[in-house]
Amino acid sequence: MPTPSSPLLPDERLAAGAARLASRYAGHFAPETVLGLLADSYTRLAEQARIRTHLVVLAERLTADRLGALAHAQGLTSGPTRVLFVCSQNAGRSQMAAALLAHRAGERVTVSSAGTHPADEVEPHIAQALTEAGADLTDAYPKPLTSEVVEAADIVITMECGDTCPVMPGRRYLDWPGADPDGAPIAVVRDIRDAIDAHITELLTQLAP
């Protein structure tokens, strides 16, 4: 494995995370694959970040998600139905949808979300509206859309991301149009949450028990 000073690592503190992930996915992916994805994850997050305090931690989390998705897409692991929510900024609608589905479906599904042009942070009113509904958004952060999560998804649900939404053969695609909560007062955000939750109810009836 390259040393911490390797040019593959944009931040030398990533070396410890690379070692953890390489150990976790030993037998599935080479350390070089892990390192390359980690460096790429850090770079993608850094492009959107105004504050870089937690970039190293978030890059490791994003890489873990990407490796898990890649392992699933390649048939190295199995698991429940995987649902991916995509919007433009991954700071509002797709975060709400992912949190609500995860809250209501539990282990029946593996849920992820991403943005085609991710924002710097999740909007505060989104977290408040979800907390009121009993859903947890504590560790959520806007994530860039990557090929691994699209390839691993069984269902891709787009939410007003236009022509930038991913299209890949063999996936089930749904589009959930709706109002944008960006900058909206909490009362409007609650209405948007409830509209999304109605979609979640319908989706749950279609998923295998």
N, C-alpha and C. Protein backbone atom coordinates (compact mmCIF):
# COMPACT_ATOMS: atom_id res chain seq x y z
N MET A 1 0.85 -1.19 0.00
CA MET A 1 0.00 0.00 0.00
C MET A 1 0.89 1.24 0.00
N PRO A 2 0.49 2.29 -0.75
CA PRO A 2 1.31 3.49 -0.78
C PRO A 2 1.45 4.09 0.61
N THR A 3 2.50 4.81 0.81
CA THR A 3 2.75 5.46 2.09
C THR A 3 1.85 6.66 2.23
N PRO A 4 1.71 7.20 3.47
CA PRO A 4 0.84 8.36 3.67
C PRO A 4 1.21 9.55 2.81
N SER A 5 2.47 9.64 2.37
CA SER A 5 2.88 10.78 1.56
C SER A 5 2.61 10.55 0.08
N SER A 6 2.00 9.42 -0.28
CA SER A 6 1.71 9.12 -1.66
C SER A 6 0.83 10.19 -2.27
N PRO A 7 1.10 10.56 -3.54
CA PRO A 7 0.26 11.56 -4.18
C PRO A 7 -1.17 11.08 -4.40
N LEU A 8 -1.43 9.77 -4.22
CA LEU A 8 -2.79 9.27 -4.34
C LEU A 8 -3.67 9.75 -3.20
N LEU A 9 -3.05 10.19 -2.11
CA LEU A 9 -3.81 10.64 -0.95
C LEU A 9 -3.79 12.16 -0.87
N PRO A 10 -4.95 12.81 -1.10
CA PRO A 10 -4.98 14.28 -1.01
C PRO A 10 -4.70 14.79 0.40
N ASP A 11 -4.93 13.95 1.40
CA ASP A 11 -4.69 14.31 2.80
C ASP A 11 -4.04 13.11 3.48
N GLU A 12 -2.90 13.31 4.11
CA GLU A 12 -2.17 12.18 4.68
C GLU A 12 -2.95 11.48 5.80
N ARG A 13 -3.92 12.17 6.39
CA ARG A 13 -4.73 11.55 7.44
C ARG A 13 -5.63 10.45 6.90
N LEU A 14 -5.78 10.37 5.60
CA LEU A 14 -6.61 9.33 4.99
C LEU A 14 -5.97 7.95 5.08
N ALA A 15 -4.69 7.89 5.36
CA ALA A 15 -3.98 6.61 5.37
C ALA A 15 -4.59 5.63 6.37
N ALA A 16 -4.96 6.12 7.55
CA ALA A 16 -5.54 5.24 8.56
C ALA A 16 -6.88 4.69 8.08
N GLY A 17 -7.69 5.53 7.45
CA GLY A 17 -8.96 5.08 6.91
C GLY A 17 -8.77 4.08 5.79
N ALA A 18 -7.77 4.30 4.96
CA ALA A 18 -7.48 3.36 3.88
C ALA A 18 -7.13 1.98 4.44
N ALA A 19 -6.37 1.96 5.51
CA ALA A 19 -5.99 0.69 6.13
C ALA A 19 -7.22 -0.02 6.71
N ARG A 20 -8.10 0.74 7.36
CA ARG A 20 -9.31 0.14 7.92
C ARG A 20 -10.20 -0.45 6.83
N LEU A 21 -10.39 0.30 5.78
CA LEU A 21 -11.27 -0.17 4.70
C LEU A 21 -10.65 -1.34 3.95
N ALA A 22 -9.34 -1.31 3.76
CA ALA A 22 -8.68 -2.43 3.08
C ALA A 22 -8.82 -3.71 3.89
N SER A 23 -8.73 -3.59 5.21
CA SER A 23 -8.90 -4.76 6.07
C SER A 23 -10.34 -5.26 6.03
N ARG A 24 -11.27 -4.32 6.05
CA ARG A 24 -12.70 -4.67 6.04
C ARG A 24 -13.10 -5.39 4.76
N TYR A 25 -12.50 -4.99 3.65
CA TYR A 25 -12.87 -5.56 2.35
C TYR A 25 -11.79 -6.48 1.79
N ALA A 26 -10.93 -6.96 2.65
CA ALA A 26 -9.90 -7.91 2.22
C ALA A 26 -10.58 -9.15 1.63
N GLY A 27 -10.08 -9.60 0.51
CA GLY A 27 -10.69 -10.74 -0.17
C GLY A 27 -11.69 -10.33 -1.23
N HIS A 28 -12.15 -9.09 -1.15
CA HIS A 28 -13.06 -8.55 -2.16
C HIS A 28 -12.35 -7.57 -3.09
N PHE A 29 -11.60 -6.65 -2.49
CA PHE A 29 -10.96 -5.60 -3.29
C PHE A 29 -9.50 -5.43 -2.88
N ALA A 30 -8.68 -5.15 -3.86
CA ALA A 30 -7.26 -4.90 -3.60
C ALA A 30 -7.09 -3.58 -2.86
N PRO A 31 -6.05 -3.47 -2.04
CA PRO A 31 -5.81 -2.20 -1.34
C PRO A 31 -5.72 -1.01 -2.29
N GLU A 32 -5.20 -1.24 -3.49
CA GLU A 32 -5.08 -0.14 -4.45
C GLU A 32 -6.47 0.36 -4.88
N THR A 33 -7.42 -0.55 -5.01
CA THR A 33 -8.79 -0.16 -5.36
C THR A 33 -9.40 0.68 -4.25
N VAL A 34 -9.20 0.23 -3.02
CA VAL A 34 -9.71 0.96 -1.87
C VAL A 34 -9.10 2.35 -1.80
N LEU A 35 -7.81 2.41 -1.98
CA LEU A 35 -7.10 3.69 -1.90
C LEU A 35 -7.58 4.65 -2.98
N GLY A 36 -7.75 4.14 -4.19
CA GLY A 36 -8.20 4.99 -5.29
C GLY A 36 -9.59 5.56 -5.05
N LEU A 37 -10.51 4.72 -4.53
CA LEU A 37 -11.85 5.20 -4.24
C LEU A 37 -11.85 6.20 -3.10
N LEU A 38 -11.02 5.98 -2.10
CA LEU A 38 -10.94 6.89 -0.96
C LEU A 38 -10.42 8.26 -1.40
N ALA A 39 -9.38 8.26 -2.21
CA ALA A 39 -8.84 9.52 -2.71
C ALA A 39 -9.88 10.25 -3.56
N ASP A 40 -10.61 9.50 -4.38
CA ASP A 40 -11.63 10.10 -5.22
C ASP A 40 -12.78 10.65 -4.37
N SER A 41 -13.18 9.91 -3.35
CA SER A 41 -14.25 10.37 -2.47
C SER A 41 -13.88 11.68 -1.79
N TYR A 42 -12.66 11.74 -1.29
CA TYR A 42 -12.20 12.95 -0.62
C TYR A 42 -12.22 14.14 -1.60
N THR A 43 -11.74 13.92 -2.80
CA THR A 43 -11.69 14.99 -3.79
C THR A 43 -13.09 15.48 -4.15
N ARG A 44 -14.02 14.56 -4.32
CA ARG A 44 -15.39 14.94 -4.66
C ARG A 44 -16.03 15.76 -3.54
N LEU A 45 -15.84 15.32 -2.30
CA LEU A 45 -16.41 16.05 -1.17
C LEU A 45 -15.74 17.41 -0.99
N ALA A 46 -14.45 17.47 -1.23
CA ALA A 46 -13.72 18.73 -1.06
C ALA A 46 -14.19 19.79 -2.06
N GLU A 47 -14.64 19.36 -3.22
CA GLU A 47 -15.10 20.29 -4.24
C GLU A 47 -16.32 21.08 -3.80
N GLN A 48 -17.15 20.50 -2.92
CA GLN A 48 -18.38 21.15 -2.51
C GLN A 48 -18.28 21.76 -1.11
N ALA A 49 -17.20 21.48 -0.39
CA ALA A 49 -17.12 21.85 1.03
C ALA A 49 -16.65 23.29 1.23
N ARG A 50 -17.35 23.99 2.11
CA ARG A 50 -16.87 25.30 2.56
C ARG A 50 -16.02 25.13 3.81
N ILE A 51 -16.42 24.18 4.67
CA ILE A 51 -15.67 23.87 5.89
C ILE A 51 -15.15 22.44 5.77
N ARG A 52 -13.85 22.26 5.96
CA ARG A 52 -13.24 20.95 5.70
C ARG A 52 -12.89 20.18 6.98
N THR A 53 -13.46 20.58 8.09
CA THR A 53 -13.10 19.97 9.37
C THR A 53 -13.32 18.46 9.37
N HIS A 54 -14.42 18.01 8.79
CA HIS A 54 -14.79 16.59 8.88
C HIS A 54 -14.60 15.85 7.56
N LEU A 55 -13.88 16.42 6.64
CA LEU A 55 -13.75 15.81 5.32
C LEU A 55 -13.14 14.42 5.36
N VAL A 56 -12.15 14.20 6.19
CA VAL A 56 -11.48 12.90 6.25
C VAL A 56 -12.46 11.82 6.71
N VAL A 57 -13.22 12.14 7.75
CA VAL A 57 -14.20 11.19 8.27
C VAL A 57 -15.28 10.91 7.23
N LEU A 58 -15.80 11.96 6.59
CA LEU A 58 -16.85 11.78 5.60
C LEU A 58 -16.35 11.02 4.38
N ALA A 59 -15.10 11.26 4.00
CA ALA A 59 -14.54 10.54 2.85
C ALA A 59 -14.47 9.05 3.12
N GLU A 60 -14.11 8.67 4.34
CA GLU A 60 -14.08 7.25 4.69
C GLU A 60 -15.49 6.67 4.67
N ARG A 61 -16.46 7.40 5.18
CA ARG A 61 -17.84 6.91 5.17
C ARG A 61 -18.36 6.76 3.75
N LEU A 62 -18.10 7.75 2.91
CA LEU A 62 -18.54 7.68 1.53
C LEU A 62 -17.89 6.51 0.80
N THR A 63 -16.61 6.30 1.06
CA THR A 63 -15.90 5.19 0.42
C THR A 63 -16.44 3.84 0.88
N ALA A 64 -16.78 3.74 2.15
CA ALA A 64 -17.37 2.50 2.66
C ALA A 64 -18.70 2.21 1.95
N ASP A 65 -19.50 3.25 1.74
CA ASP A 65 -20.76 3.08 1.02
C ASP A 65 -20.50 2.64 -0.42
N ARG A 66 -19.51 3.24 -1.05
CA ARG A 66 -19.21 2.91 -2.44
C ARG A 66 -18.67 1.49 -2.57
N LEU A 67 -17.84 1.09 -1.63
CA LEU A 67 -17.30 -0.28 -1.66
C LEU A 67 -18.41 -1.30 -1.41
N GLY A 68 -19.31 -0.99 -0.48
CA GLY A 68 -20.43 -1.88 -0.23
C GLY A 68 -21.32 -2.02 -1.45
N ALA A 69 -21.56 -0.91 -2.13
CA ALA A 69 -22.38 -0.95 -3.34
C ALA A 69 -21.67 -1.71 -4.45
N LEU A 70 -20.38 -1.49 -4.58
CA LEU A 70 -19.60 -2.18 -5.61
C LEU A 70 -19.59 -3.68 -5.38
N ALA A 71 -19.43 -4.08 -4.13
CA ALA A 71 -19.43 -5.51 -3.80
C ALA A 71 -20.79 -6.13 -4.14
N HIS A 72 -21.85 -5.40 -3.87
CA HIS A 72 -23.19 -5.91 -4.20
C HIS A 72 -23.38 -6.01 -5.70
N ALA A 73 -22.97 -4.96 -6.43
CA ALA A 73 -23.15 -4.94 -7.88
C ALA A 73 -22.37 -6.07 -8.56
N GLN A 74 -21.24 -6.44 -7.99
CA GLN A 74 -20.41 -7.49 -8.56
C GLN A 74 -20.79 -8.89 -8.06
N GLY A 75 -21.84 -8.97 -7.25
CA GLY A 75 -22.29 -10.25 -6.76
C GLY A 75 -21.43 -10.84 -5.66
N LEU A 76 -20.60 -10.02 -5.03
CA LEU A 76 -19.72 -10.50 -3.96
C LEU A 76 -20.48 -10.59 -2.63
N THR A 77 -21.55 -9.84 -2.51
CA THR A 77 -22.39 -9.87 -1.31
C THR A 77 -23.85 -9.90 -1.75
N SER A 78 -24.71 -10.28 -0.83
CA SER A 78 -26.14 -10.27 -1.10
C SER A 78 -26.83 -9.45 -0.02
N GLY A 79 -28.10 -9.20 -0.23
CA GLY A 79 -28.82 -8.41 0.76
C GLY A 79 -30.19 -8.04 0.25
N PRO A 80 -30.90 -7.18 0.98
CA PRO A 80 -32.26 -6.80 0.60
C PRO A 80 -32.28 -5.86 -0.61
N THR A 81 -33.47 -5.52 -1.04
CA THR A 81 -33.65 -4.57 -2.13
C THR A 81 -32.93 -3.27 -1.82
N ARG A 82 -32.26 -2.73 -2.81
CA ARG A 82 -31.52 -1.48 -2.63
C ARG A 82 -32.24 -0.37 -3.37
N VAL A 83 -32.54 0.71 -2.64
CA VAL A 83 -33.27 1.85 -3.19
C VAL A 83 -32.37 3.08 -3.11
N LEU A 84 -32.23 3.78 -4.24
CA LEU A 84 -31.41 4.99 -4.32
C LEU A 84 -32.30 6.17 -4.66
N PHE A 85 -32.22 7.22 -3.84
CA PHE A 85 -32.93 8.47 -4.10
C PHE A 85 -31.93 9.49 -4.63
N VAL A 86 -32.32 10.17 -5.71
CA VAL A 86 -31.43 11.15 -6.33
C VAL A 86 -32.17 12.46 -6.55
N CYS A 87 -31.60 13.55 -6.07
CA CYS A 87 -32.07 14.88 -6.42
C CYS A 87 -30.85 15.71 -6.79
N SER A 88 -31.03 16.99 -6.96
CA SER A 88 -29.90 17.81 -7.41
C SER A 88 -28.86 18.01 -6.30
N GLN A 89 -29.30 18.50 -5.13
CA GLN A 89 -28.36 18.90 -4.10
C GLN A 89 -28.19 17.88 -2.97
N ASN A 90 -29.06 16.87 -2.89
CA ASN A 90 -29.01 15.89 -1.81
C ASN A 90 -28.98 16.59 -0.44
N ALA A 91 -29.74 17.67 -0.36
CA ALA A 91 -29.81 18.42 0.91
C ALA A 91 -31.24 18.55 1.40
N GLY A 92 -32.21 18.07 0.58
CA GLY A 92 -33.61 18.24 0.94
C GLY A 92 -34.43 17.01 0.64
N ARG A 93 -35.05 16.96 -0.54
CA ARG A 93 -36.00 15.91 -0.86
C ARG A 93 -35.43 14.50 -0.78
N SER A 94 -34.28 14.28 -1.39
CA SER A 94 -33.73 12.92 -1.39
C SER A 94 -33.29 12.49 0.01
N GLN A 95 -32.84 13.44 0.82
CA GLN A 95 -32.50 13.12 2.21
C GLN A 95 -33.75 12.75 3.00
N MET A 96 -34.83 13.50 2.79
CA MET A 96 -36.08 13.19 3.49
C MET A 96 -36.59 11.82 3.08
N ALA A 97 -36.60 11.56 1.78
CA ALA A 97 -37.13 10.28 1.29
C ALA A 97 -36.31 9.11 1.82
N ALA A 98 -34.99 9.23 1.80
CA ALA A 98 -34.14 8.15 2.28
C ALA A 98 -34.35 7.90 3.77
N ALA A 99 -34.43 8.97 4.55
CA ALA A 99 -34.61 8.82 5.99
C ALA A 99 -35.98 8.22 6.32
N LEU A 100 -37.01 8.65 5.62
CA LEU A 100 -38.35 8.12 5.88
C LEU A 100 -38.46 6.66 5.50
N LEU A 101 -37.88 6.28 4.35
CA LEU A 101 -37.94 4.88 3.95
C LEU A 101 -37.15 4.01 4.90
N ALA A 102 -35.96 4.44 5.29
CA ALA A 102 -35.15 3.67 6.23
C ALA A 102 -35.87 3.52 7.57
N HIS A 103 -36.54 4.58 8.01
CA HIS A 103 -37.27 4.55 9.28
C HIS A 103 -38.42 3.56 9.23
N ARG A 104 -39.15 3.56 8.13
CA ARG A 104 -40.35 2.74 8.05
C ARG A 104 -40.09 1.31 7.59
N ALA A 105 -39.07 1.11 6.77
CA ALA A 105 -38.83 -0.23 6.22
C ALA A 105 -37.85 -1.04 7.03
N GLY A 106 -36.99 -0.38 7.79
CA GLY A 106 -36.00 -1.10 8.58
C GLY A 106 -35.08 -1.94 7.70
N GLU A 107 -34.90 -3.20 8.05
CA GLU A 107 -33.96 -4.06 7.35
C GLU A 107 -34.53 -4.64 6.05
N ARG A 108 -35.75 -4.27 5.70
CA ARG A 108 -36.33 -4.76 4.45
C ARG A 108 -35.62 -4.19 3.24
N VAL A 109 -34.99 -3.03 3.39
CA VAL A 109 -34.32 -2.39 2.26
C VAL A 109 -32.98 -1.82 2.70
N THR A 110 -32.11 -1.62 1.73
CA THR A 110 -30.90 -0.84 1.93
C THR A 110 -31.11 0.47 1.18
N VAL A 111 -31.03 1.58 1.90
CA VAL A 111 -31.39 2.88 1.35
C VAL A 111 -30.16 3.76 1.22
N SER A 112 -30.08 4.49 0.11
CA SER A 112 -29.02 5.48 -0.06
C SER A 112 -29.59 6.67 -0.81
N SER A 113 -28.86 7.77 -0.75
CA SER A 113 -29.27 8.97 -1.48
C SER A 113 -28.02 9.69 -1.97
N ALA A 114 -28.21 10.51 -3.00
CA ALA A 114 -27.07 11.23 -3.56
C ALA A 114 -27.59 12.42 -4.37
N GLY A 115 -26.67 13.32 -4.71
CA GLY A 115 -27.03 14.50 -5.49
C GLY A 115 -26.17 14.64 -6.73
N THR A 116 -26.77 15.13 -7.79
CA THR A 116 -25.99 15.36 -9.01
C THR A 116 -25.09 16.59 -8.85
N HIS A 117 -25.51 17.53 -8.01
CA HIS A 117 -24.70 18.71 -7.67
C HIS A 117 -24.86 18.95 -6.17
N PRO A 118 -24.23 18.12 -5.34
CA PRO A 118 -24.49 18.16 -3.90
C PRO A 118 -24.15 19.49 -3.25
N ALA A 119 -24.98 19.84 -2.28
CA ALA A 119 -24.78 21.06 -1.51
C ALA A 119 -23.71 20.84 -0.44
N ASP A 120 -23.47 21.87 0.33
CA ASP A 120 -22.45 21.79 1.38
C ASP A 120 -22.98 21.11 2.62
N GLU A 121 -24.28 21.25 2.91
CA GLU A 121 -24.85 20.66 4.11
C GLU A 121 -26.34 20.43 3.92
N VAL A 122 -26.90 19.58 4.77
CA VAL A 122 -28.34 19.33 4.76
C VAL A 122 -29.05 20.54 5.37
N GLU A 123 -30.17 20.93 4.76
CA GLU A 123 -30.90 22.09 5.23
C GLU A 123 -31.46 21.85 6.64
N PRO A 124 -31.32 22.80 7.55
CA PRO A 124 -31.76 22.61 8.95
C PRO A 124 -33.22 22.23 9.10
N HIS A 125 -34.11 22.83 8.29
CA HIS A 125 -35.54 22.51 8.41
C HIS A 125 -35.84 21.07 8.02
N ILE A 126 -34.99 20.49 7.19
CA ILE A 126 -35.17 19.09 6.80
C ILE A 126 -34.99 18.20 8.03
N ALA A 127 -33.93 18.44 8.76
CA ALA A 127 -33.66 17.65 9.96
C ALA A 127 -34.79 17.81 10.97
N GLN A 128 -35.28 19.03 11.14
CA GLN A 128 -36.37 19.28 12.11
C GLN A 128 -37.63 18.53 11.71
N ALA A 129 -38.00 18.59 10.44
CA ALA A 129 -39.22 17.93 9.99
C ALA A 129 -39.12 16.42 10.12
N LEU A 130 -37.94 15.87 9.88
CA LEU A 130 -37.76 14.43 10.00
C LEU A 130 -37.75 13.98 11.45
N THR A 131 -37.16 14.77 12.32
CA THR A 131 -37.16 14.45 13.75
C THR A 131 -38.58 14.39 14.27
N GLU A 132 -39.42 15.31 13.82
CA GLU A 132 -40.82 15.31 14.22
C GLU A 132 -41.55 14.05 13.78
N ALA A 133 -41.09 13.46 12.66
CA ALA A 133 -41.71 12.24 12.14
C ALA A 133 -41.07 10.98 12.69
N GLY A 134 -40.09 11.14 13.57
CA GLY A 134 -39.43 9.99 14.18
C GLY A 134 -38.29 9.43 13.39
N ALA A 135 -37.90 10.09 12.29
CA ALA A 135 -36.79 9.62 11.46
C ALA A 135 -35.50 10.32 11.88
N ASP A 136 -34.38 9.62 11.74
CA ASP A 136 -33.10 10.13 12.21
C ASP A 136 -32.27 10.64 11.04
N LEU A 137 -31.78 11.86 11.16
CA LEU A 137 -30.92 12.44 10.13
C LEU A 137 -29.59 12.89 10.73
N THR A 138 -29.25 12.34 11.88
CA THR A 138 -28.09 12.81 12.64
C THR A 138 -26.80 12.75 11.83
N ASP A 139 -26.57 11.65 11.14
CA ASP A 139 -25.29 11.46 10.44
C ASP A 139 -25.38 11.77 8.95
N ALA A 140 -26.46 12.37 8.51
CA ALA A 140 -26.63 12.60 7.07
C ALA A 140 -25.75 13.75 6.58
N TYR A 141 -25.31 13.63 5.36
CA TYR A 141 -24.55 14.69 4.70
C TYR A 141 -24.76 14.56 3.20
N PRO A 142 -24.70 15.67 2.45
CA PRO A 142 -24.87 15.59 1.00
C PRO A 142 -23.74 14.78 0.36
N LYS A 143 -24.13 13.84 -0.50
CA LYS A 143 -23.16 12.94 -1.13
C LYS A 143 -23.21 13.08 -2.65
N PRO A 144 -22.07 13.03 -3.29
CA PRO A 144 -22.07 13.06 -4.76
C PRO A 144 -22.57 11.74 -5.33
N LEU A 145 -23.22 11.81 -6.45
CA LEU A 145 -23.70 10.60 -7.12
C LEU A 145 -22.52 9.89 -7.77
N THR A 146 -22.37 8.60 -7.49
CA THR A 146 -21.27 7.83 -8.08
C THR A 146 -21.83 6.61 -8.81
N SER A 147 -21.05 6.09 -9.72
CA SER A 147 -21.51 4.97 -10.54
C SER A 147 -21.79 3.73 -9.71
N GLU A 148 -21.04 3.54 -8.62
CA GLU A 148 -21.20 2.32 -7.81
C GLU A 148 -22.60 2.21 -7.22
N VAL A 149 -23.12 3.31 -6.67
CA VAL A 149 -24.43 3.24 -6.02
C VAL A 149 -25.54 3.07 -7.04
N VAL A 150 -25.36 3.62 -8.24
CA VAL A 150 -26.35 3.43 -9.29
C VAL A 150 -26.36 1.98 -9.75
N GLU A 151 -25.18 1.42 -9.96
CA GLU A 151 -25.08 0.04 -10.43
C GLU A 151 -25.64 -0.95 -9.41
N ALA A 152 -25.53 -0.63 -8.13
CA ALA A 152 -25.99 -1.54 -7.09
C ALA A 152 -27.49 -1.43 -6.83
N ALA A 153 -28.12 -0.33 -7.26
CA ALA A 153 -29.52 -0.08 -6.94
C ALA A 153 -30.45 -0.98 -7.73
N ASP A 154 -31.49 -1.45 -7.06
CA ASP A 154 -32.58 -2.15 -7.73
C ASP A 154 -33.64 -1.16 -8.19
N ILE A 155 -33.84 -0.12 -7.38
CA ILE A 155 -34.82 0.92 -7.69
C ILE A 155 -34.12 2.27 -7.56
N VAL A 156 -34.23 3.09 -8.59
CA VAL A 156 -33.68 4.45 -8.56
C VAL A 156 -34.86 5.41 -8.62
N ILE A 157 -34.98 6.26 -7.61
CA ILE A 157 -36.09 7.21 -7.54
C ILE A 157 -35.52 8.61 -7.70
N THR A 158 -35.91 9.27 -8.79
CA THR A 158 -35.40 10.61 -9.07
C THR A 158 -36.40 11.64 -8.57
N MET A 159 -35.86 12.78 -8.17
CA MET A 159 -36.68 13.82 -7.55
C MET A 159 -36.27 15.18 -8.09
N GLU A 160 -36.76 15.47 -9.30
CA GLU A 160 -36.52 16.77 -9.92
C GLU A 160 -35.04 17.05 -10.17
N CYS A 161 -34.31 16.06 -10.71
CA CYS A 161 -32.90 16.35 -11.05
C CYS A 161 -32.70 16.47 -12.56
N GLY A 162 -33.78 16.44 -13.32
CA GLY A 162 -33.71 16.73 -14.75
C GLY A 162 -32.85 15.78 -15.55
N ASP A 163 -32.18 16.34 -16.54
CA ASP A 163 -31.38 15.54 -17.46
C ASP A 163 -30.13 14.95 -16.82
N THR A 164 -29.79 15.42 -15.62
CA THR A 164 -28.59 14.90 -14.96
C THR A 164 -28.86 13.64 -14.16
N CYS A 165 -30.13 13.23 -14.08
CA CYS A 165 -30.44 12.01 -13.35
C CYS A 165 -29.84 10.80 -14.05
N PRO A 166 -29.38 9.80 -13.29
CA PRO A 166 -28.71 8.65 -13.90
C PRO A 166 -29.71 7.74 -14.61
N VAL A 167 -29.28 7.15 -15.71
CA VAL A 167 -30.08 6.16 -16.41
C VAL A 167 -29.18 4.97 -16.71
N MET A 168 -29.57 3.80 -16.22
CA MET A 168 -28.78 2.59 -16.41
C MET A 168 -29.73 1.42 -16.67
N PRO A 169 -29.48 0.64 -17.69
CA PRO A 169 -30.38 -0.48 -18.01
C PRO A 169 -30.50 -1.46 -16.85
N GLY A 170 -31.67 -2.06 -16.72
CA GLY A 170 -31.88 -3.10 -15.73
C GLY A 170 -32.35 -2.62 -14.37
N ARG A 171 -32.47 -1.29 -14.21
CA ARG A 171 -32.96 -0.75 -12.96
C ARG A 171 -34.41 -0.31 -13.12
N ARG A 172 -35.15 -0.36 -12.05
CA ARG A 172 -36.50 0.18 -12.06
C ARG A 172 -36.42 1.65 -11.70
N TYR A 173 -36.99 2.49 -12.54
CA TYR A 173 -36.92 3.93 -12.32
C TYR A 173 -38.30 4.49 -11.97
N LEU A 174 -38.32 5.34 -10.95
CA LEU A 174 -39.52 6.06 -10.58
C LEU A 174 -39.15 7.54 -10.48
N ASP A 175 -40.09 8.40 -10.77
CA ASP A 175 -39.87 9.84 -10.60
C ASP A 175 -40.93 10.39 -9.67
N TRP A 176 -40.48 11.02 -8.60
CA TRP A 176 -41.39 11.62 -7.63
C TRP A 176 -41.25 13.13 -7.69
N PRO A 177 -42.04 13.80 -8.53
CA PRO A 177 -41.97 15.26 -8.58
C PRO A 177 -42.54 15.87 -7.31
N GLY A 178 -42.13 17.08 -7.03
CA GLY A 178 -42.62 17.75 -5.83
C GLY A 178 -41.95 19.08 -5.62
N ALA A 179 -42.46 19.84 -4.67
CA ALA A 179 -41.91 21.16 -4.37
C ALA A 179 -40.52 21.05 -3.78
N ASP A 180 -39.74 22.09 -3.98
CA ASP A 180 -38.38 22.15 -3.45
C ASP A 180 -38.39 22.80 -2.07
N PRO A 181 -37.86 22.11 -1.04
CA PRO A 181 -37.87 22.68 0.31
C PRO A 181 -36.77 23.71 0.56
N ASP A 182 -35.92 23.94 -0.41
CA ASP A 182 -34.79 24.86 -0.21
C ASP A 182 -35.29 26.25 0.18
N GLY A 183 -34.95 26.66 1.40
CA GLY A 183 -35.32 27.99 1.88
C GLY A 183 -36.76 28.14 2.29
N ALA A 184 -37.54 27.06 2.23
CA ALA A 184 -38.96 27.14 2.57
C ALA A 184 -39.16 27.16 4.09
N PRO A 185 -40.24 27.78 4.57
CA PRO A 185 -40.53 27.77 6.01
C PRO A 185 -40.88 26.36 6.46
N ILE A 186 -40.79 26.11 7.74
CA ILE A 186 -40.96 24.77 8.28
C ILE A 186 -42.33 24.20 7.95
N ALA A 187 -43.36 25.03 7.91
CA ALA A 187 -44.71 24.53 7.60
C ALA A 187 -44.75 23.94 6.20
N VAL A 188 -44.09 24.57 5.25
CA VAL A 188 -44.04 24.07 3.88
C VAL A 188 -43.21 22.79 3.81
N VAL A 189 -42.10 22.77 4.55
CA VAL A 189 -41.25 21.57 4.59
C VAL A 189 -42.04 20.38 5.13
N ARG A 190 -42.87 20.62 6.12
CA ARG A 190 -43.70 19.53 6.67
C ARG A 190 -44.65 18.99 5.61
N ASP A 191 -45.22 19.88 4.81
CA ASP A 191 -46.12 19.44 3.74
C ASP A 191 -45.36 18.60 2.71
N ILE A 192 -44.16 19.03 2.38
CA ILE A 192 -43.34 18.28 1.42
C ILE A 192 -42.99 16.92 2.00
N ARG A 193 -42.64 16.89 3.28
CA ARG A 193 -42.34 15.62 3.96
C ARG A 193 -43.52 14.67 3.88
N ASP A 194 -44.71 15.18 4.15
CA ASP A 194 -45.90 14.33 4.15
C ASP A 194 -46.22 13.81 2.76
N ALA A 195 -45.97 14.64 1.74
CA ALA A 195 -46.19 14.19 0.37
C ALA A 195 -45.22 13.07 0.01
N ILE A 196 -43.98 13.21 0.42
CA ILE A 196 -42.98 12.16 0.17
C ILE A 196 -43.35 10.90 0.93
N ASP A 197 -43.83 11.06 2.15
CA ASP A 197 -44.20 9.90 2.96
C ASP A 197 -45.35 9.13 2.33
N ALA A 198 -46.23 9.82 1.63
CA ALA A 198 -47.32 9.14 0.92
C ALA A 198 -46.74 8.26 -0.19
N HIS A 199 -45.72 8.76 -0.89
CA HIS A 199 -45.03 7.95 -1.90
C HIS A 199 -44.37 6.73 -1.24
N ILE A 200 -43.78 6.95 -0.06
CA ILE A 200 -43.12 5.85 0.66
C ILE A 200 -44.14 4.76 0.98
N THR A 201 -45.32 5.16 1.43
CA THR A 201 -46.36 4.18 1.75
C THR A 201 -46.70 3.32 0.54
N GLU A 202 -46.83 3.96 -0.62
CA GLU A 202 -47.13 3.22 -1.85
C GLU A 202 -45.98 2.30 -2.22
N LEU A 203 -44.76 2.79 -2.10
CA LEU A 203 -43.59 1.97 -2.44
C LEU A 203 -43.52 0.74 -1.55
N LEU A 204 -43.77 0.90 -0.27
CA LEU A 204 -43.68 -0.22 0.66
C LEU A 204 -44.66 -1.35 0.33
N THR A 205 -45.79 -1.00 -0.25
CA THR A 205 -46.76 -2.02 -0.64
C THR A 205 -46.24 -2.85 -1.82
N GLN A 206 -45.27 -2.30 -2.55
CA GLN A 206 -44.76 -2.97 -3.74
C GLN A 206 -43.50 -3.80 -3.46
N LEU A 207 -42.90 -3.58 -2.31
CA LEU A 207 -41.68 -4.29 -1.97
C LEU A 207 -42.02 -5.64 -1.33
N ALA A 208 -41.18 -6.62 -1.59
CA ALA A 208 -41.40 -7.94 -1.00
C ALA A 208 -41.30 -7.85 0.52
N PRO A 209 -42.14 -8.61 1.26
CA PRO A 209 -42.08 -8.54 2.72
C PRO A 209 -40.79 -9.14 3.25
